[in-house]
Amino acid sequence: METLMAKLMVLILFLSMIAPKRVFAEYGQWCIADPESSDDELQAALNWACGSGGADCSKIQVNQPCYYQNTLEDHPSYAFNSYFQKFKHRGVFAEYEQWCIADPQGSDDELQAALNWACGSGGADCSKIQVNQPCYYPNTLKDHASYVFNSYFQKFKHRGGSCFFRGAAITTEADPSHGSCHFDFIP
């Protein structure tokens, strides 16, 4: 019985390395790519997982055993599962870089109220959106609010701060920095 169980576990392990999205075990857990994600999202997450995320992506390189299926669903699935298996017992989960920006559908009144609060009692750094500062241009309410919302979010996200601003803001994984205007990201 132990030999059969050992063979079954080896088979499950082998199958999970080849096609993790298709393998399920009663007690096993795998992390796979969400098939609803866009190619850009998958590529960005794959780059992070194989880079600073610490996943072992050596087996999905050319001429390695898990290179095929060479798809933008299978490679991220392998990398995500590698990361998950490596760190799941440490309580470490991926934190993708996120910035907080003004919701493009937010009204000017909502944005202005949130901007006023963030620059006032909210404690955001609003100095860089002033005249002759790197984030003054483009001189629009949405651009200024985006910089200020992100300043607040990065400063307070680990102390309970959020990127909500009464619905006037959203998070993005695309760095909104432009020209000399740098939007901070604090891990």
Protein backbone atom coordinates (compact mmCIF):
# COMPACT_ATOMS: atom_id res chain seq x y z
CA MET A 1 0.00 0.00 0.00
CA GLU A 2 2.83 2.42 0.85
CA THR A 3 4.48 1.72 -2.51
CA LEU A 4 1.24 2.47 -4.36
CA MET A 5 0.79 5.70 -2.38
CA ALA A 6 4.40 6.71 -3.08
CA LYS A 7 3.93 6.05 -6.81
CA LEU A 8 0.72 8.06 -6.79
CA MET A 9 2.44 10.99 -5.09
CA VAL A 10 5.29 10.88 -7.63
CA LEU A 11 2.74 10.84 -10.46
CA ILE A 12 0.86 13.80 -8.97
CA LEU A 13 4.11 15.70 -8.53
CA PHE A 14 5.16 14.93 -12.11
CA LEU A 15 1.80 15.96 -13.52
CA SER A 16 1.77 19.13 -11.47
CA MET A 17 5.06 20.18 -13.04
CA ILE A 18 3.77 19.54 -16.56
CA ALA A 19 0.28 20.97 -16.35
CA PRO A 20 -0.52 22.39 -12.91
CA LYS A 21 -3.85 23.85 -13.98
CA ARG A 22 -5.20 20.37 -14.71
CA VAL A 23 -4.04 18.52 -11.61
CA PHE A 24 -6.05 18.33 -8.44
CA ALA A 25 -5.52 16.20 -5.38
CA GLU A 26 -7.70 15.83 -2.36
CA TYR A 27 -5.25 17.63 -0.09
CA GLY A 28 -2.90 19.31 -2.56
CA GLN A 29 -3.00 22.95 -3.47
CA TRP A 30 -1.60 24.53 -6.57
CA CYS A 31 -1.51 28.11 -7.69
CA ILE A 32 -2.25 28.68 -11.36
CA ALA A 33 -2.77 31.58 -13.73
CA ASP A 34 -6.27 32.98 -13.92
CA PRO A 35 -7.46 32.26 -17.48
CA GLU A 36 -9.45 35.51 -17.39
CA SER A 37 -6.28 37.61 -16.96
CA SER A 38 -5.02 39.64 -19.89
CA ASP A 39 -1.74 38.79 -21.59
CA ASP A 40 -0.19 41.98 -20.21
CA GLU A 41 -1.23 41.09 -16.65
CA LEU A 42 0.10 37.56 -17.01
CA GLN A 43 3.40 38.74 -18.50
CA ALA A 44 3.90 41.35 -15.75
CA ALA A 45 3.14 38.79 -13.04
CA LEU A 46 5.41 36.20 -14.69
CA ASN A 47 8.24 38.74 -14.86
CA TRP A 48 7.79 39.55 -11.18
CA ALA A 49 7.51 35.92 -10.06
CA CYS A 50 10.64 34.87 -11.98
CA GLY A 51 12.50 38.04 -10.99
CA SER A 52 12.17 39.60 -7.57
CA GLY A 53 9.44 37.16 -6.49
CA GLY A 54 11.93 34.33 -6.06
CA ALA A 55 10.11 31.62 -8.01
CA ASP A 56 12.30 28.93 -9.59
CA CYS A 57 11.62 29.43 -13.28
CA SER A 58 14.58 27.46 -14.58
CA LYS A 59 12.40 24.58 -15.81
CA ILE A 60 10.32 26.79 -18.10
CA GLN A 61 13.34 28.05 -20.04
CA VAL A 62 14.10 26.89 -23.59
CA ASN A 63 15.36 23.27 -23.72
CA GLN A 64 14.13 22.58 -20.18
CA PRO A 65 11.50 19.98 -19.24
CA CYS A 66 8.58 22.37 -18.68
CA TYR A 67 9.19 24.77 -21.56
CA TYR A 68 6.33 23.21 -23.56
CA GLN A 69 3.44 24.18 -23.54
CA ASN A 70 5.03 27.51 -24.31
CA THR A 71 1.94 29.60 -23.65
CA LEU A 72 1.18 32.69 -21.65
CA GLU A 73 -1.04 30.59 -19.42
CA ASP A 74 1.21 27.59 -18.78
CA HIS A 75 4.46 29.42 -18.03
CA PRO A 76 2.85 31.80 -15.51
CA SER A 77 1.02 28.84 -13.94
CA TYR A 78 4.32 27.06 -13.43
CA ALA A 79 5.97 30.19 -12.00
CA PHE A 80 3.03 31.05 -9.74
CA ASN A 81 2.91 27.52 -8.41
CA SER A 82 6.67 27.54 -7.84
CA TYR A 83 6.32 30.73 -5.81
CA PHE A 84 3.30 29.42 -3.91
CA GLN A 85 4.91 26.09 -3.03
CA LYS A 86 8.11 27.82 -1.94
CA PHE A 87 6.49 30.40 0.32
CA LYS A 88 3.04 29.10 1.35
CA HIS A 89 4.22 27.79 4.71
CA ARG A 90 5.83 31.10 5.59
CA GLY A 91 2.61 33.04 5.17
CA VAL A 92 4.20 35.02 2.35
CA PHE A 93 2.05 35.91 -0.60
CA ALA A 94 2.84 37.95 -3.66
CA GLU A 95 2.40 41.66 -3.41
CA TYR A 96 2.35 43.18 -6.81
CA GLU A 97 3.40 46.74 -7.20
CA GLN A 98 0.33 48.91 -6.90
CA TRP A 99 -0.19 52.61 -7.19
CA CYS A 100 -3.28 54.60 -6.31
CA ILE A 101 -4.68 56.97 -8.93
CA ALA A 102 -7.78 59.05 -9.50
CA ASP A 103 -10.66 57.04 -10.90
CA PRO A 104 -11.06 58.23 -14.50
CA GLN A 105 -14.83 58.06 -13.99
CA GLY A 106 -14.78 60.10 -10.79
CA SER A 107 -16.50 63.47 -10.79
CA ASP A 108 -14.51 66.66 -10.34
CA ASP A 109 -16.38 67.37 -7.10
CA GLU A 110 -15.43 63.95 -5.66
CA LEU A 111 -11.82 64.34 -6.74
CA GLN A 112 -11.52 67.86 -5.34
CA ALA A 113 -13.02 66.86 -1.98
CA ALA A 114 -10.68 63.86 -1.72
CA LEU A 115 -7.68 65.93 -2.81
CA ASN A 116 -8.49 68.61 -0.22
CA TRP A 117 -8.74 66.00 2.53
CA ALA A 118 -5.55 64.18 1.49
CA CYS A 119 -3.54 67.42 1.36
CA GLY A 120 -5.07 68.59 4.63
CA SER A 121 -5.70 66.23 7.50
CA GLY A 122 -4.87 63.15 5.40
CA GLY A 123 -1.14 63.79 5.58
CA ALA A 124 -0.26 63.22 1.91
CA ASP A 125 2.76 64.95 0.38
CA CYS A 126 1.27 67.61 -1.89
CA SER A 127 4.44 69.62 -2.42
CA LYS A 128 5.27 68.02 -5.78
CA ILE A 129 2.03 69.19 -7.46
CA GLN A 130 2.76 72.86 -6.75
CA VAL A 131 3.89 75.31 -9.46
CA ASN A 132 7.51 74.70 -10.60
CA GLN A 133 7.53 71.21 -9.07
CA PRO A 134 7.98 67.94 -11.02
CA CYS A 135 4.33 66.83 -10.86
CA TYR A 136 2.64 70.15 -11.56
CA TYR A 137 2.18 69.23 -15.23
CA PRO A 138 -0.15 68.11 -16.59
CA ASN A 139 -2.03 70.69 -14.57
CA THR A 140 -5.32 68.79 -14.28
CA LEU A 141 -7.39 67.82 -11.31
CA LYS A 142 -7.14 64.11 -12.19
CA ASP A 143 -3.34 64.23 -12.52
CA HIS A 144 -2.84 66.16 -9.30
CA ALA A 145 -5.31 63.94 -7.44
CA SER A 146 -3.55 60.82 -8.75
CA TYR A 147 -0.20 61.97 -7.41
CA VAL A 148 -1.64 62.94 -4.03
CA PHE A 149 -3.76 59.78 -3.68
CA ASN A 150 -0.70 57.66 -4.37
CA SER A 151 1.38 59.66 -1.90
CA TYR A 152 -1.20 58.97 0.81
CA PHE A 153 -1.65 55.31 -0.17
CA GLN A 154 2.06 54.51 -0.17
CA LYS A 155 2.62 56.33 3.12
CA PHE A 156 -0.26 54.72 5.02
CA LYS A 157 -1.11 51.40 3.31
CA HIS A 158 0.75 49.36 5.93
CA ARG A 159 -1.02 51.23 8.72
CA GLY A 160 -4.59 50.75 7.53
CA GLY A 161 -4.71 53.42 4.81
CA SER A 162 -6.51 52.52 1.61
CA CYS A 163 -6.92 53.69 -1.95
CA PHE A 164 -10.60 54.45 -1.74
CA PHE A 165 -11.14 58.16 -1.13
CA ARG A 166 -14.92 57.66 -1.07
CA GLY A 167 -14.80 55.99 -4.46
CA ALA A 168 -12.69 58.66 -6.15
CA ALA A 169 -9.59 56.45 -6.54
CA ILE A 170 -8.56 53.07 -7.90
CA THR A 171 -5.40 50.97 -7.77
CA THR A 172 -3.30 50.17 -10.81
CA GLU A 173 -0.35 47.89 -11.44
CA ALA A 174 0.92 50.20 -14.19
CA ASP A 175 3.39 52.75 -12.88
CA PRO A 176 1.77 56.17 -13.48
CA SER A 177 5.10 58.03 -13.31
CA HIS A 178 5.74 60.31 -16.26
CA GLY A 179 8.59 62.58 -17.25
CA SER A 180 10.23 63.92 -14.10
CA CYS A 181 7.15 63.12 -12.00
CA HIS A 182 7.91 59.95 -10.04
CA PHE A 183 5.09 58.12 -8.24
CA ASP A 184 6.56 56.28 -5.27
CA PHE A 185 6.00 52.60 -4.63
CA ILE A 186 6.73 51.33 -1.14
CA PRO A 187 6.77 47.52 -0.81
